[in-house]
């Protein structure tokens, strides 16, 4: 079924959607637990990247690790 929406109806629908979006945004309450998890994850990523900063893995080393994983080592 095809529904034809007139311009005035489109504008009204858009205004309603914007109003709903603003209400959701204004009532948003961040979850402290999720924020802590996100911060912990971000720190873990930074630490992981820093592990090989002085001696980055070569393409050959990466290929060897992938091959070992595929062999089940």
PDB file of N, CA and C in Angstrom:
ATOM      1  N   UNK A   1       0.841  -1.177   0.000  1.00  0.00           N
ATOM      2  CA  UNK A   1       0.000   0.000   0.000  1.00  0.00           C
ATOM      3  C   UNK A   1       0.888   1.243   0.000  1.00  0.00           C
ATOM      4  N   UNK A   2       0.597   2.191  -0.840  1.00  0.00           N
ATOM      5  CA  UNK A   2       1.343   3.434  -0.932  1.00  0.00           C
ATOM      6  C   UNK A   2       0.541   4.531  -0.242  1.00  0.00           C
ATOM      7  N   UNK A   3       1.243   5.276   0.604  1.00  0.00           N
ATOM      8  CA  UNK A   3       0.572   6.355   1.316  1.00  0.00           C
ATOM      9  C   UNK A   3       1.142   7.675   0.836  1.00  0.00           C
ATOM     10  N   UNK A   4       0.267   8.578   0.447  1.00  0.00           N
ATOM     11  CA  UNK A   4       0.690   9.894  -0.016  1.00  0.00           C
ATOM     12  C   UNK A   4       0.497  10.876   1.136  1.00  0.00           C
ATOM     13  N   UNK A   5       1.593  11.558   1.481  1.00  0.00           N
ATOM     14  CA  UNK A   5       1.539  12.535   2.566  1.00  0.00           C
ATOM     15  C   UNK A   5       1.671  13.918   1.955  1.00  0.00           C
ATOM     16  N   UNK A   6       0.752  14.779   2.288  1.00  0.00           N
ATOM     17  CA  UNK A   6       0.789  16.141   1.777  1.00  0.00           C
ATOM     18  C   UNK A   6       1.845  16.945   2.522  1.00  0.00           C
ATOM     19  N   UNK A   7       2.272  18.042   1.952  1.00  0.00           N
ATOM     20  CA  UNK A   7       3.345  18.845   2.523  1.00  0.00           C
ATOM     21  C   UNK A   7       3.019  19.278   3.946  1.00  0.00           C
ATOM     22  N   UNK A   8       1.815  19.729   4.199  1.00  0.00           N
ATOM     23  CA  UNK A   8       1.438  20.169   5.539  1.00  0.00           C
ATOM     24  C   UNK A   8       1.532  19.011   6.529  1.00  0.00           C
ATOM     25  N   UNK A   9       1.119  17.821   6.098  1.00  0.00           N
ATOM     26  CA  UNK A   9       1.210  16.645   6.957  1.00  0.00           C
ATOM     27  C   UNK A   9       2.664  16.272   7.229  1.00  0.00           C
ATOM     28  N   UNK A  10       3.513  16.423   6.228  1.00  0.00           N
ATOM     29  CA  UNK A  10       4.938  16.141   6.393  1.00  0.00           C
ATOM     30  C   UNK A  10       5.550  17.080   7.423  1.00  0.00           C
ATOM     31  N   UNK A  11       5.216  18.361   7.300  1.00  0.00           N
ATOM     32  CA  UNK A  11       5.761  19.344   8.233  1.00  0.00           C
ATOM     33  C   UNK A  11       5.283  19.063   9.658  1.00  0.00           C
ATOM     34  N   UNK A  12       4.013  18.673   9.808  1.00  0.00           N
ATOM     35  CA  UNK A  12       3.472  18.355  11.123  1.00  0.00           C
ATOM     36  C   UNK A  12       4.179  17.128  11.697  1.00  0.00           C
ATOM     37  N   UNK A  13       4.359  16.097  10.868  1.00  0.00           N
ATOM     38  CA  UNK A  13       5.033  14.889  11.305  1.00  0.00           C
ATOM     39  C   UNK A  13       6.482  15.180  11.701  1.00  0.00           C
ATOM     40  N   UNK A  14       7.164  15.992  10.912  1.00  0.00           N
ATOM     41  CA  UNK A  14       8.536  16.363  11.231  1.00  0.00           C
ATOM     42  C   UNK A  14       8.596  17.121  12.550  1.00  0.00           C
ATOM     43  N   UNK A  15       7.678  18.050  12.762  1.00  0.00           N
ATOM     44  CA  UNK A  15       7.644  18.813  14.012  1.00  0.00           C
ATOM     45  C   UNK A  15       7.425  17.887  15.204  1.00  0.00           C
ATOM     46  N   UNK A  16       6.551  16.898  15.044  1.00  0.00           N
ATOM     47  CA  UNK A  16       6.310  15.938  16.121  1.00  0.00           C
ATOM     48  C   UNK A  16       7.566  15.123  16.425  1.00  0.00           C
ATOM     49  N   UNK A  17       8.254  14.678  15.370  1.00  0.00           N
ATOM     50  CA  UNK A  17       9.473  13.897  15.546  1.00  0.00           C
ATOM     51  C   UNK A  17      10.568  14.720  16.224  1.00  0.00           C
ATOM     52  N   UNK A  18      10.702  15.967  15.838  1.00  0.00           N
ATOM     53  CA  UNK A  18      11.697  16.848  16.461  1.00  0.00           C
ATOM     54  C   UNK A  18      11.367  17.051  17.926  1.00  0.00           C
ATOM     55  N   UNK A  19      10.098  17.270  18.230  1.00  0.00           N
ATOM     56  CA  UNK A  19       9.670  17.461  19.620  1.00  0.00           C
ATOM     57  C   UNK A  19       9.990  16.215  20.447  1.00  0.00           C
ATOM     58  N   UNK A  20       9.680  15.035  19.907  1.00  0.00           N
ATOM     59  CA  UNK A  20       9.976  13.784  20.615  1.00  0.00           C
ATOM     60  C   UNK A  20      11.473  13.624  20.841  1.00  0.00           C
ATOM     61  N   UNK A  21      12.259  13.953  19.836  1.00  0.00           N
ATOM     62  CA  UNK A  21      13.706  13.832  19.942  1.00  0.00           C
ATOM     63  C   UNK A  21      14.257  14.760  21.023  1.00  0.00           C
ATOM     64  N   UNK A  22      13.768  15.988  21.067  1.00  0.00           N
ATOM     65  CA  UNK A  22      14.222  16.940  22.078  1.00  0.00           C
ATOM     66  C   UNK A  22      13.812  16.507  23.478  1.00  0.00           C
ATOM     67  N   UNK A  23      12.609  15.959  23.611  1.00  0.00           N
ATOM     68  CA  UNK A  23      12.162  15.477  24.919  1.00  0.00           C
ATOM     69  C   UNK A  23      13.045  14.329  25.406  1.00  0.00           C
ATOM     70  N   UNK A  24      13.388  13.417  24.499  1.00  0.00           N
ATOM     71  CA  UNK A  24      14.271  12.321  24.870  1.00  0.00           C
ATOM     72  C   UNK A  24      15.650  12.829  25.266  1.00  0.00           C
ATOM     73  N   UNK A  25      16.151  13.780  24.496  1.00  0.00           N
ATOM     74  CA  UNK A  25      17.474  14.333  24.774  1.00  0.00           C
ATOM     75  C   UNK A  25      17.497  15.033  26.127  1.00  0.00           C
ATOM     76  N   UNK A  26      16.452  15.789  26.425  1.00  0.00           N
ATOM     77  CA  UNK A  26      16.402  16.546  27.679  1.00  0.00           C
ATOM     78  C   UNK A  26      16.173  15.649  28.889  1.00  0.00           C
ATOM     79  N   UNK A  27      15.565  14.487  28.700  1.00  0.00           N
ATOM     80  CA  UNK A  27      15.294  13.592  29.821  1.00  0.00           C
ATOM     81  C   UNK A  27      16.364  12.511  29.981  1.00  0.00           C
ATOM     82  N   UNK A  28      17.410  12.544  29.155  1.00  0.00           N
ATOM     83  CA  UNK A  28      18.455  11.531  29.190  1.00  0.00           C
ATOM     84  C   UNK A  28      19.202  11.563  30.515  1.00  0.00           C
ATOM     85  N   UNK A  29      19.319  10.402  31.129  1.00  0.00           N
ATOM     86  CA  UNK A  29      20.084  10.257  32.362  1.00  0.00           C
ATOM     87  C   UNK A  29      21.197   9.246  32.104  1.00  0.00           C
ATOM     88  N   UNK A  30      22.445   9.696  32.102  1.00  0.00           N
ATOM     89  CA  UNK A  30      23.536   8.760  31.825  1.00  0.00           C
ATOM     90  C   UNK A  30      23.631   7.694  32.916  1.00  0.00           C
ATOM     91  N   UNK A  31      23.985   6.503  32.509  1.00  0.00           N
ATOM     92  CA  UNK A  31      24.144   5.382  33.427  1.00  0.00           C
ATOM     93  C   UNK A  31      25.603   5.364  33.898  1.00  0.00           C
ATOM     94  N   UNK A  32      25.839   5.629  35.179  1.00  0.00           N
ATOM     95  CA  UNK A  32      27.223   5.689  35.683  1.00  0.00           C
ATOM     96  C   UNK A  32      27.995   4.385  35.450  1.00  0.00           C
ATOM     97  N   UNK A  33      27.318   3.251  35.568  1.00  0.00           N
ATOM     98  CA  UNK A  33      27.997   1.969  35.352  1.00  0.00           C
ATOM     99  C   UNK A  33      28.476   1.841  33.909  1.00  0.00           C
ATOM    100  N   UNK A  34      27.608   2.208  32.959  1.00  0.00           N
ATOM    101  CA  UNK A  34      28.000   2.135  31.543  1.00  0.00           C
ATOM    102  C   UNK A  34      29.109   3.134  31.230  1.00  0.00           C
ATOM    103  N   UNK A  35      29.065   4.304  31.856  1.00  0.00           N
ATOM    104  CA  UNK A  35      30.124   5.288  31.632  1.00  0.00           C
ATOM    105  C   UNK A  35      31.454   4.766  32.161  1.00  0.00           C
ATOM    106  N   UNK A  36      31.426   4.113  33.316  1.00  0.00           N
ATOM    107  CA  UNK A  36      32.653   3.548  33.886  1.00  0.00           C
ATOM    108  C   UNK A  36      33.199   2.445  32.990  1.00  0.00           C
ATOM    109  N   UNK A  37      32.301   1.587  32.471  1.00  0.00           N
ATOM    110  CA  UNK A  37      32.743   0.530  31.558  1.00  0.00           C
ATOM    111  C   UNK A  37      33.365   1.107  30.295  1.00  0.00           C
ATOM    112  N   UNK A  38      32.747   2.143  29.759  1.00  0.00           N
ATOM    113  CA  UNK A  38      33.278   2.771  28.547  1.00  0.00           C
ATOM    114  C   UNK A  38      34.657   3.362  28.804  1.00  0.00           C
ATOM    115  N   UNK A  39      34.829   3.986  29.955  1.00  0.00           N
ATOM    116  CA  UNK A  39      36.129   4.574  30.286  1.00  0.00           C
ATOM    117  C   UNK A  39      37.179   3.487  30.484  1.00  0.00           C
ATOM    118  N   UNK A  40      36.807   2.405  31.154  1.00  0.00           N
ATOM    119  CA  UNK A  40      37.729   1.284  31.351  1.00  0.00           C
ATOM    120  C   UNK A  40      38.136   0.683  30.010  1.00  0.00           C
ATOM    121  N   UNK A  41      37.161   0.503  29.123  1.00  0.00           N
ATOM    122  CA  UNK A  41      37.460  -0.048  27.802  1.00  0.00           C
ATOM    123  C   UNK A  41      38.394   0.871  27.021  1.00  0.00           C
ATOM    124  N   UNK A  42      38.127   2.165  27.082  1.00  0.00           N
ATOM    125  CA  UNK A  42      38.973   3.128  26.382  1.00  0.00           C
ATOM    126  C   UNK A  42      40.405   3.073  26.907  1.00  0.00           C
ATOM    127  N   UNK A  43      40.557   2.991  28.232  1.00  0.00           N
ATOM    128  CA  UNK A  43      41.894   2.886  28.830  1.00  0.00           C
ATOM    129  C   UNK A  43      42.586   1.597  28.402  1.00  0.00           C
ATOM    130  N   UNK A  44      41.833   0.501  28.356  1.00  0.00           N
ATOM    131  CA  UNK A  44      42.394  -0.775  27.925  1.00  0.00           C
ATOM    132  C   UNK A  44      42.892  -0.691  26.485  1.00  0.00           C
ATOM    133  N   UNK A  45      42.121  -0.042  25.630  1.00  0.00           N
ATOM    134  CA  UNK A  45      42.546   0.122  24.230  1.00  0.00           C
ATOM    135  C   UNK A  45      43.831   0.927  24.139  1.00  0.00           C
ATOM    136  N   UNK A  46      43.919   1.997  24.907  1.00  0.00           N
ATOM    137  CA  UNK A  46      45.136   2.820  24.890  1.00  0.00           C
ATOM    138  C   UNK A  46      46.337   2.024  25.386  1.00  0.00           C
ATOM    139  N   UNK A  47      46.142   1.243  26.454  1.00  0.00           N
ATOM    140  CA  UNK A  47      47.237   0.434  26.992  1.00  0.00           C
ATOM    141  C   UNK A  47      47.679  -0.633  25.979  1.00  0.00           C
ATOM    142  N   UNK A  48      46.712  -1.239  25.322  1.00  0.00           N
ATOM    143  CA  UNK A  48      47.019  -2.274  24.336  1.00  0.00           C
ATOM    144  C   UNK A  48      47.812  -1.698  23.170  1.00  0.00           C
ATOM    145  N   UNK A  49      47.408  -0.527  22.710  1.00  0.00           N
ATOM    146  CA  UNK A  49      48.130   0.106  21.606  1.00  0.00           C
ATOM    147  C   UNK A  49      49.529   0.512  22.025  1.00  0.00           C
ATOM    148  N   UNK A  50      49.716   0.872  23.290  1.00  0.00           N
ATOM    149  CA  UNK A  50      51.026   1.304  23.776  1.00  0.00           C
ATOM    150  C   UNK A  50      51.995   0.136  23.944  1.00  0.00           C
ATOM    151  N   UNK A  51      51.474  -1.089  24.036  1.00  0.00           N
ATOM    152  CA  UNK A  51      52.337  -2.255  24.252  1.00  0.00           C
ATOM    153  C   UNK A  51      53.407  -2.399  23.178  1.00  0.00           C
ATOM    154  N   UNK A  52      53.049  -2.163  21.958  1.00  0.00           N
ATOM    155  CA  UNK A  52      53.987  -2.355  20.850  1.00  0.00           C
ATOM    156  C   UNK A  52      54.412  -1.030  20.221  1.00  0.00           C
ATOM    157  N   UNK A  53      54.267   0.050  20.934  1.00  0.00           N
ATOM    158  CA  UNK A  53      54.622   1.359  20.370  1.00  0.00           C
ATOM    159  C   UNK A  53      56.113   1.440  20.050  1.00  0.00           C
ATOM    160  N   UNK A  54      56.941   0.854  20.924  1.00  0.00           N
ATOM    161  CA  UNK A  54      58.387   0.914  20.703  1.00  0.00           C
ATOM    162  C   UNK A  54      58.870  -0.141  19.714  1.00  0.00           C
ATOM    163  N   UNK A  55      58.110  -1.220  19.590  1.00  0.00           N
ATOM    164  CA  UNK A  55      58.502  -2.316  18.694  1.00  0.00           C
ATOM    165  C   UNK A  55      57.242  -2.854  18.013  1.00  0.00           C
ATOM    166  N   UNK A  56      56.766  -2.136  17.001  1.00  0.00           N
ATOM    167  CA  UNK A  56      55.535  -2.572  16.333  1.00  0.00           C
ATOM    168  C   UNK A  56      55.709  -3.922  15.641  1.00  0.00           C
ATOM    169  N   UNK A  57      54.628  -4.683  15.588  1.00  0.00           N
ATOM    170  CA  UNK A  57      54.663  -5.977  14.911  1.00  0.00           C
ATOM    171  C   UNK A  57      54.832  -5.777  13.410  1.00  0.00           C
ATOM    172  N   UNK A  58      55.613  -6.658  12.820  1.00  0.00           N
ATOM    173  CA  UNK A  58      55.783  -6.613  11.367  1.00  0.00           C
ATOM    174  C   UNK A  58      54.667  -7.426  10.721  1.00  0.00           C
ATOM    175  N   UNK A  59      54.485  -7.245   9.440  1.00  0.00           N
ATOM    176  CA  UNK A  59      53.487  -8.020   8.714  1.00  0.00           C
ATOM    177  C   UNK A  59      53.795  -9.516   8.802  1.00  0.00           C
ATOM    178  N   UNK A  60      55.089  -9.853   8.800  1.00  0.00           N
ATOM    179  CA  UNK A  60      55.501 -11.253   8.891  1.00  0.00           C
ATOM    180  C   UNK A  60      55.117 -11.838  10.253  1.00  0.00           C
ATOM    181  N   UNK A  61      55.340 -11.088  11.315  1.00  0.00           N
ATOM    182  CA  UNK A  61      54.975 -11.561  12.650  1.00  0.00           C
ATOM    183  C   UNK A  61      53.453 -11.751  12.785  1.00  0.00           C
ATOM    184  N   UNK A  62      52.708 -10.839  12.206  1.00  0.00           N
ATOM    185  CA  UNK A  62      51.246 -10.950  12.240  1.00  0.00           C
ATOM    186  C   UNK A  62      50.806 -12.193  11.480  1.00  0.00           C
ATOM    187  N   UNK A  63      51.406 -12.423  10.323  1.00  0.00           N
ATOM    188  CA  UNK A  63      51.073 -13.601   9.517  1.00  0.00           C
ATOM    189  C   UNK A  63      51.405 -14.888  10.279  1.00  0.00           C
ATOM    190  N   UNK A  64      52.528 -14.891  10.996  1.00  0.00           N
ATOM    191  CA  UNK A  64      52.915 -16.060  11.786  1.00  0.00           C
ATOM    192  C   UNK A  64      51.905 -16.316  12.909  1.00  0.00           C
ATOM    193  N   UNK A  65      51.456 -15.257  13.551  1.00  0.00           N
ATOM    194  CA  UNK A  65      50.468 -15.410  14.632  1.00  0.00           C
ATOM    195  C   UNK A  65      49.155 -15.940  14.093  1.00  0.00           C
ATOM    196  N   UNK A  66      48.733 -15.449  12.935  1.00  0.00           N
ATOM    197  CA  UNK A  66      47.482 -15.914  12.325  1.00  0.00           C
ATOM    198  C   UNK A  66      47.617 -17.387  11.952  1.00  0.00           C
ATOM    199  N   UNK A  67      48.741 -17.751  11.376  1.00  0.00           N
ATOM    200  CA  UNK A  67      48.963 -19.162  10.990  1.00  0.00           C
ATOM    201  C   UNK A  67      48.946 -20.059  12.214  1.00  0.00           C
ATOM    202  N   UNK A  68      49.580 -19.625  13.306  1.00  0.00           N
ATOM    203  CA  UNK A  68      49.594 -20.407  14.534  1.00  0.00           C
ATOM    204  C   UNK A  68      48.189 -20.561  15.100  1.00  0.00           C
ATOM    205  N   UNK A  69      47.412 -19.515  15.042  1.00  0.00           N
ATOM    206  CA  UNK A  69      46.020 -19.573  15.528  1.00  0.00           C
ATOM    207  C   UNK A  69      45.217 -20.571  14.696  1.00  0.00           C
ATOM    208  N   UNK A  70      45.419 -20.548  13.397  1.00  0.00           N
ATOM    209  CA  UNK A  70      44.687 -21.457  12.516  1.00  0.00           C
ATOM    210  C   UNK A  70      45.097 -22.911  12.735  1.00  0.00           C
ATOM    211  N   UNK A  71      46.342 -23.118  13.161  1.00  0.00           N
ATOM    212  CA  UNK A  71      46.795 -24.475  13.464  1.00  0.00           C
ATOM    213  C   UNK A  71      46.316 -24.917  14.848  1.00  0.00           C
ATOM    214  N   UNK A  72      45.733 -24.010  15.595  1.00  0.00           N
ATOM    215  CA  UNK A  72      45.223 -24.326  16.930  1.00  0.00           C
ATOM    216  C   UNK A  72      46.250 -24.197  18.028  1.00  0.00           C
ATOM    217  N   UNK A  73      47.317 -23.461  17.751  1.00  0.00           N
ATOM    218  CA  UNK A  73      48.383 -23.272  18.751  1.00  0.00           C
ATOM    219  C   UNK A  73      48.048 -22.140  19.682  1.00  0.00           C
TER     220      UNK A  73
END
